[in-house]
Structure formats: C-alpha cells, structure tokens
PDB file of N, CA and C in Angstrom:
ATOM      1  N   MET A   1     -26.967  41.507  39.778  1.00  0.00           N
ATOM      2  CA  MET A   1     -27.225  41.308  38.724  1.00  0.00           C
ATOM      3  C   MET A   1     -26.728  41.058  37.469  1.00  0.00           C
ATOM      4  N   VAL A   2     -25.965  42.160  37.240  1.00  0.00           N
ATOM      5  CA  VAL A   2     -25.272  42.450  36.186  1.00  0.00           C
ATOM      6  C   VAL A   2     -24.285  41.429  35.981  1.00  0.00           C
ATOM      7  N   VAL A   3     -23.423  40.976  37.454  1.00  0.00           N
ATOM      8  CA  VAL A   3     -22.508  40.345  37.810  1.00  0.00           C
ATOM      9  C   VAL A   3     -23.051  38.957  37.391  1.00  0.00           C
ATOM     10  N   VAL A   4     -23.821  38.624  37.712  1.00  0.00           N
ATOM     11  CA  VAL A   4     -24.426  36.688  37.564  1.00  0.00           C
ATOM     12  C   VAL A   4     -24.753  37.087  35.931  1.00  0.00           C
ATOM     13  N   VAL A   5     -25.257  37.520  35.171  1.00  0.00           N
ATOM     14  CA  VAL A   5     -25.550  37.409  33.734  1.00  0.00           C
ATOM     15  C   VAL A   5     -24.245  37.523  33.127  1.00  0.00           C
ATOM     16  N   VAL A   6     -23.074  38.248  33.529  1.00  0.00           N
ATOM     17  CA  VAL A   6     -21.915  38.248  33.132  1.00  0.00           C
ATOM     18  C   VAL A   6     -21.108  37.093  32.952  1.00  0.00           C
ATOM     19  N   VAL A   7     -21.433  36.353  34.296  1.00  0.00           N
ATOM     20  CA  VAL A   7     -20.705  34.845  34.805  1.00  0.00           C
ATOM     21  C   VAL A   7     -21.404  34.225  34.424  1.00  0.00           C
ATOM     22  N   VAL A   8     -22.764  33.918  33.998  1.00  0.00           N
ATOM     23  CA  VAL A   8     -23.410  33.307  33.280  1.00  0.00           C
ATOM     24  C   VAL A   8     -23.042  32.807  31.318  1.00  0.00           C
ATOM     25  N   ALA A   9     -22.879  34.057  31.394  1.00  0.00           N
ATOM     26  CA  ALA A   9     -22.554  35.006  29.519  1.00  0.00           C
ATOM     27  C   ALA A   9     -21.015  33.918  29.658  1.00  0.00           C
ATOM     28  N   VAL A  10     -20.272  34.063  30.400  1.00  0.00           N
ATOM     29  CA  VAL A  10     -18.828  33.849  30.343  1.00  0.00           C
ATOM     30  C   VAL A  10     -18.673  32.386  30.474  1.00  0.00           C
ATOM     31  N   VAL A  11     -19.566  31.514  31.048  1.00  0.00           N
ATOM     32  CA  VAL A  11     -19.972  30.154  31.628  1.00  0.00           C
ATOM     33  C   VAL A  11     -20.181  29.486  29.962  1.00  0.00           C
ATOM     34  N   VAL A  12     -21.351  30.031  29.299  1.00  0.00           N
ATOM     35  CA  VAL A  12     -21.389  29.216  28.477  1.00  0.00           C
ATOM     36  C   VAL A  12     -21.229  29.817  27.087  1.00  0.00           C
ATOM     37  N   VAL A  13     -19.868  30.879  26.975  1.00  0.00           N
ATOM     38  CA  VAL A  13     -19.140  30.634  26.103  1.00  0.00           C
ATOM     39  C   VAL A  13     -17.729  29.978  25.762  1.00  0.00           C
ATOM     40  N   MET A  14     -16.983  29.940  27.366  1.00  0.00           N
ATOM     41  CA  MET A  14     -16.135  29.123  27.274  1.00  0.00           C
ATOM     42  C   MET A  14     -17.048  27.536  27.271  1.00  0.00           C
ATOM     43  N   VAL A  15     -17.716  26.839  27.516  1.00  0.00           N
ATOM     44  CA  VAL A  15     -18.950  25.788  27.516  1.00  0.00           C
ATOM     45  C   VAL A  15     -18.362  25.595  25.599  1.00  0.00           C
ATOM     46  N   VAL A  16     -19.464  26.643  25.445  1.00  0.00           N
ATOM     47  CA  VAL A  16     -19.092  26.466  23.637  1.00  0.00           C
ATOM     48  C   VAL A  16     -17.806  26.566  23.135  1.00  0.00           C
ATOM     49  N   VAL A  17     -16.925  27.255  23.651  1.00  0.00           N
ATOM     50  CA  VAL A  17     -15.469  27.440  22.908  1.00  0.00           C
ATOM     51  C   VAL A  17     -14.867  25.339  22.949  1.00  0.00           C
ATOM     52  N   LEU A  18     -15.374  25.072  24.557  1.00  0.00           N
ATOM     53  CA  LEU A  18     -14.609  23.825  24.707  1.00  0.00           C
ATOM     54  C   LEU A  18     -15.532  22.513  23.498  1.00  0.00           C
ATOM     55  N   VAL A  19     -16.594  22.827  23.498  1.00  0.00           N
ATOM     56  CA  VAL A  19     -17.153  21.851  22.812  1.00  0.00           C
ATOM     57  C   VAL A  19     -16.944  21.705  21.248  1.00  0.00           C
ATOM     58  N   VAL A  20     -16.542  23.016  20.713  1.00  0.00           N
ATOM     59  CA  VAL A  20     -16.001  24.097  19.302  1.00  0.00           C
ATOM     60  C   VAL A  20     -14.641  22.840  19.179  1.00  0.00           C
ATOM     61  N   ALA A  21     -13.662  22.797  19.983  1.00  0.00           N
ATOM     62  CA  ALA A  21     -12.637  22.262  20.475  1.00  0.00           C
ATOM     63  C   ALA A  21     -12.395  21.231  20.336  1.00  0.00           C
ATOM     64  N   MET A  22     -13.381  20.550  21.158  1.00  0.00           N
ATOM     65  CA  MET A  22     -13.538  18.849  20.908  1.00  0.00           C
ATOM     66  C   MET A  22     -14.065  18.220  19.593  1.00  0.00           C
ATOM     67  N   VAL A  23     -14.963  19.312  19.246  1.00  0.00           N
ATOM     68  CA  VAL A  23     -15.319  18.565  18.018  1.00  0.00           C
ATOM     69  C   VAL A  23     -14.375  19.033  16.544  1.00  0.00           C
ATOM     70  N   VAL A  24     -13.661  20.188  16.690  1.00  0.00           N
ATOM     71  CA  VAL A  24     -12.467  20.023  15.886  1.00  0.00           C
ATOM     72  C   VAL A  24     -11.525  18.805  16.093  1.00  0.00           C
ATOM     73  N   VAL A  25     -11.124  18.587  16.915  1.00  0.00           N
ATOM     74  CA  VAL A  25     -10.103  17.348  17.382  1.00  0.00           C
ATOM     75  C   VAL A  25     -10.667  16.327  17.040  1.00  0.00           C
ATOM     76  N   VAL A  26     -11.587  15.673  17.180  1.00  0.00           N
ATOM     77  CA  VAL A  26     -12.370  14.575  17.110  1.00  0.00           C
ATOM     78  C   VAL A  26     -12.063  15.022  15.427  1.00  0.00           C
ATOM     79  N   VAL A  27     -13.138  15.839  14.381  1.00  0.00           N
ATOM     80  CA  VAL A  27     -12.631  15.481  13.041  1.00  0.00           C
ATOM     81  C   VAL A  27     -11.261  15.288  12.291  1.00  0.00           C
ATOM     82  N   VAL A  28     -10.400  16.114  13.315  1.00  0.00           N
ATOM     83  CA  VAL A  28      -9.180  16.093  12.711  1.00  0.00           C
ATOM     84  C   VAL A  28      -8.807  14.732  12.813  1.00  0.00           C
ATOM     85  N   VAL A  29      -8.969  13.745  14.151  1.00  0.00           N
ATOM     86  CA  VAL A  29      -8.440  12.658  14.480  1.00  0.00           C
ATOM     87  C   VAL A  29      -9.540  11.686  13.574  1.00  0.00           C
ATOM     88  N   LEU A  30     -10.262  11.919  13.278  1.00  0.00           N
ATOM     89  CA  LEU A  30     -11.182  10.863  11.807  1.00  0.00           C
ATOM     90  C   LEU A  30     -10.629  11.119  10.415  1.00  0.00           C
ATOM     91  N   VAL A  31      -9.888  12.535  10.227  1.00  0.00           N
ATOM     92  CA  VAL A  31      -9.500  12.714   8.972  1.00  0.00           C
ATOM     93  C   VAL A  31      -8.159  12.189   9.072  1.00  0.00           C
ATOM     94  N   VAL A  32      -7.076  12.355   9.873  1.00  0.00           N
ATOM     95  CA  VAL A  32      -5.786  11.512   9.873  1.00  0.00           C
ATOM     96  C   VAL A  32      -6.178  10.000   9.733  1.00  0.00           C
ATOM     97  N   VAL A  33      -7.196   9.185  10.896  1.00  0.00           N
ATOM     98  CA  VAL A  33      -7.150   8.165  10.507  1.00  0.00           C
ATOM     99  C   VAL A  33      -7.692   7.384   9.148  1.00  0.00           C
ATOM    100  N   ALA A  34      -8.528   8.087   8.568  1.00  0.00           N
ATOM    101  CA  ALA A  34      -8.861   8.418   6.895  1.00  0.00           C
ATOM    102  C   ALA A  34      -8.123   8.253   6.319  1.00  0.00           C
ATOM    103  N   VAL A  35      -6.887   9.079   6.417  1.00  0.00           N
ATOM    104  CA  VAL A  35      -6.075   9.039   5.477  1.00  0.00           C
ATOM    105  C   VAL A  35      -4.783   8.253   5.499  1.00  0.00           C
ATOM    106  N   VAL A  36      -4.679   7.398   6.597  1.00  0.00           N
ATOM    107  CA  VAL A  36      -3.677   6.742   6.996  1.00  0.00           C
ATOM    108  C   VAL A  36      -4.417   5.157   6.247  1.00  0.00           C
ATOM    109  N   ILE A  37      -5.574   5.230   6.481  1.00  0.00           N
ATOM    110  CA  ILE A  37      -6.535   3.789   6.272  1.00  0.00           C
ATOM    111  C   ILE A  37      -6.356   3.984   4.580  1.00  0.00           C
ATOM    112  N   VAL A  38      -6.079   5.224   3.399  1.00  0.00           N
ATOM    113  CA  VAL A  38      -6.070   5.235   2.681  1.00  0.00           C
ATOM    114  C   VAL A  38      -4.957   4.984   2.356  1.00  0.00           C
ATOM    115  N   ILE A  39      -3.625   5.399   3.165  1.00  0.00           N
ATOM    116  CA  ILE A  39      -2.235   5.325   2.799  1.00  0.00           C
ATOM    117  C   ILE A  39      -1.947   3.611   2.759  1.00  0.00           C
ATOM    118  N   VAL A  40      -2.737   3.077   3.789  1.00  0.00           N
ATOM    119  CA  VAL A  40      -2.326   1.500   3.988  1.00  0.00           C
ATOM    120  C   VAL A  40      -2.727   0.751   2.802  1.00  0.00           C
ATOM    121  N   VAL A  41      -4.531   1.084   2.024  1.00  0.00           N
ATOM    122  CA  VAL A  41      -4.840   0.444   1.625  1.00  0.00           C
ATOM    123  C   VAL A  41      -4.131   0.257   0.105  1.00  0.00           C
ATOM    124  N   VAL A  42      -3.557   1.823  -0.107  1.00  0.00           N
ATOM    125  CA  VAL A  42      -2.960   2.017  -1.476  1.00  0.00           C
ATOM    126  C   VAL A  42      -1.687   1.211  -1.364  1.00  0.00           C
ATOM    127  N   VAL A  43      -0.402   1.214  -0.382  1.00  0.00           N
ATOM    128  CA  VAL A  43       0.127   0.518  -0.080  1.00  0.00           C
ATOM    129  C   VAL A  43       0.086  -1.265   0.213  1.00  0.00           C
ATOM    130  N   VAL A  44      -0.944  -1.617   0.525  1.00  0.00           N
ATOM    131  CA  VAL A  44      -1.399  -3.152   0.068  1.00  0.00           C
ATOM    132  C   VAL A  44      -1.646  -3.506  -1.385  1.00  0.00           C
ATOM    133  N   VAL A  45      -2.539  -2.315  -2.230  1.00  0.00           N
ATOM    134  CA  VAL A  45      -3.317  -2.801  -3.504  1.00  0.00           C
ATOM    135  C   VAL A  45      -1.364  -3.057  -4.493  1.00  0.00           C
ATOM    136  N   VAL A  46      -0.749  -1.814  -3.904  1.00  0.00           N
ATOM    137  CA  VAL A  46       0.641  -1.449  -4.914  1.00  0.00           C
ATOM    138  C   VAL A  46       1.396  -2.655  -4.461  1.00  0.00           C
ATOM    139  N   VAL A  47       1.441  -3.658  -3.241  1.00  0.00           N
ATOM    140  CA  VAL A  47       2.354  -4.733  -2.872  1.00  0.00           C
ATOM    141  C   VAL A  47       1.563  -6.022  -3.794  1.00  0.00           C
ATOM    142  N   VAL A  48       0.302  -5.977  -3.621  1.00  0.00           N
ATOM    143  CA  VAL A  48      -0.258  -7.152  -3.982  1.00  0.00           C
ATOM    144  C   VAL A  48      -0.093  -7.155  -5.787  1.00  0.00           C
ATOM    145  N   VAL A  49      -0.135  -5.765  -6.070  1.00  0.00           N
ATOM    146  CA  VAL A  49      -0.045  -5.920  -7.530  1.00  0.00           C
ATOM    147  C   VAL A  49       1.602  -6.063  -8.198  1.00  0.00           C
ATOM    148  N   VAL A  50       2.596  -5.626  -7.418  1.00  0.00           N
ATOM    149  CA  VAL A  50       3.630  -5.893  -7.977  1.00  0.00           C
ATOM    150  C   VAL A  50       4.014  -7.446  -7.365  1.00  0.00           C
ATOM    151  N   VAL A  51       3.887  -8.258  -6.389  1.00  0.00           N
ATOM    152  CA  VAL A  51       3.564  -9.485  -6.115  1.00  0.00           C
ATOM    153  C   VAL A  51       2.759 -10.500  -7.084  1.00  0.00           C
ATOM    154  N   VAL A  52       1.862 -10.166  -7.987  1.00  0.00           N
ATOM    155  CA  VAL A  52       0.681 -10.531  -8.933  1.00  0.00           C
ATOM    156  C   VAL A  52       2.148 -10.539 -10.239  1.00  0.00           C
ATOM    157  N   VAL A  53       2.698  -9.298 -10.345  1.00  0.00           N
ATOM    158  CA  VAL A  53       3.626  -9.234 -11.895  1.00  0.00           C
ATOM    159  C   VAL A  53       4.190 -10.058 -11.704  1.00  0.00           C
ATOM    160  N   VAL A  54       5.543 -10.094 -10.501  1.00  0.00           N
ATOM    161  CA  VAL A  54       6.376 -11.475 -10.288  1.00  0.00           C
ATOM    162  C   VAL A  54       6.405 -12.402 -10.515  1.00  0.00           C
ATOM    163  N   VAL A  55       5.027 -13.085  -9.756  1.00  0.00           N
ATOM    164  CA  VAL A  55       4.386 -14.357 -10.398  1.00  0.00           C
ATOM    165  C   VAL A  55       4.459 -14.768 -11.496  1.00  0.00           C
ATOM    166  N   VAL A  56       3.686 -13.666 -12.021  1.00  0.00           N
ATOM    167  CA  VAL A  56       3.297 -13.959 -13.563  1.00  0.00           C
ATOM    168  C   VAL A  56       4.498 -14.008 -14.101  1.00  0.00           C
ATOM    169  N   ALA A  57       5.399 -12.987 -14.069  1.00  0.00           N
ATOM    170  CA  ALA A  57       6.924 -13.298 -14.780  1.00  0.00           C
ATOM    171  C   ALA A  57       7.436 -14.225 -14.481  1.00  0.00           C
ATOM    172  N   VAL A  58       7.497 -14.921 -13.437  1.00  0.00           N
ATOM    173  CA  VAL A  58       8.806 -16.058 -12.658  1.00  0.00           C
ATOM    174  C   VAL A  58       7.653 -17.241 -13.808  1.00  0.00           C
ATOM    175  N   VAL A  59       6.163 -17.476 -13.723  1.00  0.00           N
ATOM    176  CA  VAL A  59       5.624 -18.388 -14.689  1.00  0.00           C
ATOM    177  C   VAL A  59       5.939 -18.145 -15.970  1.00  0.00           C
ATOM    178  N   VAL A  60       5.559 -16.780 -16.312  1.00  0.00           N
ATOM    179  CA  VAL A  60       6.103 -17.485 -17.816  1.00  0.00           C
ATOM    180  C   VAL A  60       7.390 -17.497 -18.167  1.00  0.00           C
ATOM    181  N   VAL A  61       8.573 -16.874 -17.761  1.00  0.00           N
ATOM    182  CA  VAL A  61       9.821 -17.201 -17.736  1.00  0.00           C
ATOM    183  C   VAL A  61      10.198 -18.964 -17.496  1.00  0.00           C
ATOM    184  N   VAL A  62       9.404 -20.040 -16.588  1.00  0.00           N
ATOM    185  CA  VAL A  62       9.515 -21.155 -16.278  1.00  0.00           C
ATOM    186  C   VAL A  62       8.609 -21.919 -17.601  1.00  0.00           C
ATOM    187  N   VAL A  63       7.357 -20.787 -18.217  1.00  0.00           N
ATOM    188  CA  VAL A  63       7.147 -22.029 -19.130  1.00  0.00           C
ATOM    189  C   VAL A  63       7.800 -21.840 -20.279  1.00  0.00           C
ATOM    190  N   VAL A  64       8.310 -20.593 -20.713  1.00  0.00           N
ATOM    191  CA  VAL A  64       9.398 -20.622 -21.497  1.00  0.00           C
ATOM    192  C   VAL A  64      10.391 -21.298 -21.548  1.00  0.00           C
ATOM    193  N   VAL A  65      11.248 -21.424 -20.817  1.00  0.00           N
ATOM    194  CA  VAL A  65      12.403 -22.110 -20.628  1.00  0.00           C
ATOM    195  C   VAL A  65      11.805 -23.748 -20.905  1.00  0.00           C
ATOM    196  N   VAL A  66      10.739 -24.384 -20.287  1.00  0.00           N
ATOM    197  CA  VAL A  66      10.210 -25.713 -20.281  1.00  0.00           C
ATOM    198  C   VAL A  66      10.317 -25.633 -21.839  1.00  0.00           C
ATOM    199  N   VAL A  67       9.010 -24.992 -22.668  1.00  0.00           N
ATOM    200  CA  VAL A  67       9.191 -25.210 -23.909  1.00  0.00           C
ATOM    201  C   VAL A  67      10.401 -24.684 -24.337  1.00  0.00           C
ATOM    202  N   VAL A  68      11.404 -24.089 -24.715  1.00  0.00           N
ATOM    203  CA  VAL A  68      12.900 -24.546 -25.522  1.00  0.00           C
ATOM    204  C   VAL A  68      13.544 -25.787 -24.728  1.00  0.00           C
ATOM    205  N   VAL A  69      13.232 -26.237 -23.640  1.00  0.00           N
ATOM    206  CA  VAL A  69      14.076 -27.492 -23.285  1.00  0.00           C
ATOM    207  C   VAL A  69      13.309 -28.406 -23.879  1.00  0.00           C
ATOM    208  N   VAL A  70      11.998 -28.226 -23.964  1.00  0.00           N
ATOM    209  CA  VAL A  70      11.290 -29.770 -24.773  1.00  0.00           C
ATOM    210  C   VAL A  70      11.441 -29.793 -26.255  1.00  0.00           C
ATOM    211  N   VAL A  71      11.170 -28.469 -26.649  1.00  0.00           N
ATOM    212  CA  VAL A  71      11.481 -28.233 -28.555  1.00  0.00           C
ATOM    213  C   VAL A  71      13.060 -28.806 -28.754  1.00  0.00           C
ATOM    214  N   ALA A  72      13.739 -28.085 -27.909  1.00  0.00           N
ATOM    215  CA  ALA A  72      15.272 -27.660 -28.100  1.00  0.00           C
ATOM    216  C   ALA A  72      15.653 -29.413 -28.279  1.00  0.00           C
ATOM    217  N   GLY A  73      15.358 -30.559 -27.355  1.00  0.00           N
ATOM    218  CA  GLY A  73      15.431 -31.801 -27.189  1.00  0.00           C
ATOM    219  C   GLY A  73      16.281 -31.551 -25.908  1.00  0.00           C
ATOM    220  N   PRO A  74      16.727 -33.257 -25.528  1.00  0.00           N
ATOM    221  CA  PRO A  74      17.652 -33.012 -24.592  1.00  0.00           C
ATOM    222  C   PRO A  74      19.252 -33.104 -25.518  1.00  0.00           C
ATOM    223  N   ASN A  75      19.450 -33.255 -26.936  1.00  0.00           N
ATOM    224  CA  ASN A  75      20.901 -33.133 -27.525  1.00  0.00           C
ATOM    225  C   ASN A  75      21.368 -31.728 -27.465  1.00  0.00           C
ATOM    226  N   GLN A  76      20.751 -30.233 -27.206  1.00  0.00           N
ATOM    227  CA  GLN A  76      20.963 -29.462 -27.381  1.00  0.00           C
ATOM    228  C   GLN A  76      21.836 -28.591 -26.633  1.00  0.00           C
ATOM    229  N   PRO A  77      21.869 -28.829 -25.120  1.00  0.00           N
ATOM    230  CA  PRO A  77      22.658 -28.569 -24.380  1.00  0.00           C
ATOM    231  C   PRO A  77      24.028 -29.014 -24.383  1.00  0.00           C
ATOM    232  N   VAL A  78      23.324 -30.111 -24.655  1.00  0.00           N
ATOM    233  CA  VAL A  78      24.853 -31.171 -24.471  1.00  0.00           C
ATOM    234  C   VAL A  78      26.004 -30.807 -25.821  1.00  0.00           C
ATOM    235  N   ALA A  79      25.108 -30.120 -27.032  1.00  0.00           N
ATOM    236  CA  ALA A  79      25.804 -29.980 -28.426  1.00  0.00           C
ATOM    237  C   ALA A  79      26.817 -28.283 -27.695  1.00  0.00           C
ATOM    238  N   GLN A  80      26.049 -27.306 -27.199  1.00  0.00           N
ATOM    239  CA  GLN A  80      26.971 -26.184 -26.652  1.00  0.00           C
ATOM    240  C   GLN A  80      27.954 -26.292 -26.044  1.00  0.00           C
ATOM    241  N   PRO A  81      28.406 -27.167 -25.033  1.00  0.00           N
ATOM    242  CA  PRO A  81      29.766 -27.070 -24.525  1.00  0.00           C
ATOM    243  C   PRO A  81      30.651 -28.084 -25.300  1.00  0.00           C
ATOM    244  N   GLU A  82      30.319 -28.699 -26.085  1.00  0.00           N
ATOM    245  CA  GLU A  82      30.721 -29.683 -27.352  1.00  0.00           C
ATOM    246  C   GLU A  82      31.883 -28.686 -28.535  1.00  0.00           C
ATOM    247  N   LEU A  83      30.814 -27.767 -28.483  1.00  0.00           N
ATOM    248  CA  LEU A  83      31.375 -26.138 -29.651  1.00  0.00           C
ATOM    249  C   LEU A  83      32.037 -25.611 -29.223  1.00  0.00           C
ATOM    250  N   GLN A  84      32.008 -25.632 -27.581  1.00  0.00           N
ATOM    251  CA  GLN A  84      32.928 -24.249 -26.826  1.00  0.00           C
ATOM    252  C   GLN A  84      34.214 -25.107 -26.772  1.00  0.00           C
ATOM    253  N   LYS A  85      34.504 -26.137 -26.356  1.00  0.00           N
ATOM    254  CA  LYS A  85      35.707 -26.951 -26.507  1.00  0.00           C
ATOM    255  C   LYS A  85      36.720 -26.845 -27.313  1.00  0.00           C
ATOM    256  N   PRO A  86      36.579 -27.296 -28.310  1.00  0.00           N
ATOM    257  CA  PRO A  86      37.482 -26.614 -29.378  1.00  0.00           C
ATOM    258  C   PRO A  86      38.107 -25.742 -29.530  1.00  0.00           C
ATOM    259  N   SER A  87      36.834 -24.452 -29.300  1.00  0.00           N
ATOM    260  CA  SER A  87      37.148 -23.054 -29.412  1.00  0.00           C
ATOM    261  C   SER A  87      38.076 -22.739 -28.386  1.00  0.00           C
TER     262      SER A  87
END
C-alpha cells in the first residue's frame, strides 16, 4: 500500500514538474517573440523616419535649387564661366 502511494506521489510530482516546465518554455518563447516583434517594429519605424527625412531633404534641396535658378535667371550660370576664363 505504501509503495502504491509513493509511486502515485512520484508520478504526480513528475507530471506537475513537466507541466511547469512546459509553461515556462511557452512563456519564454512568447517573451522572445514579443521582444523580436518590438525590435522589428523599432527598426521599421527608424527606417521610415530616415526615409522621410531623406525625402524631405531632397525635396528641400530641389526646391531651393529651382528657386535660385529661377531668381538668378539664365544669365547667371553663363556669367560664372566667363569670369573664370580670364583668371
């Protein structure tokens, strides 16, 4: 009788340990997946911000160049090589 109780107790303890181990593994996997998702989201946000900043900078440069060319007129770029030739 005592042997049966000991065997049942050992089996119950083993099952509880296995269940706890499985729960711990599942929680660790979920935490790792969550961390990976957060890292991916942060990287995507940083890439989007960098792309937006670069696009805005390019648009600003293009607008400034167009405004300078329109304000300076077509004679200004031609006058600069003429000034450089005598020197």
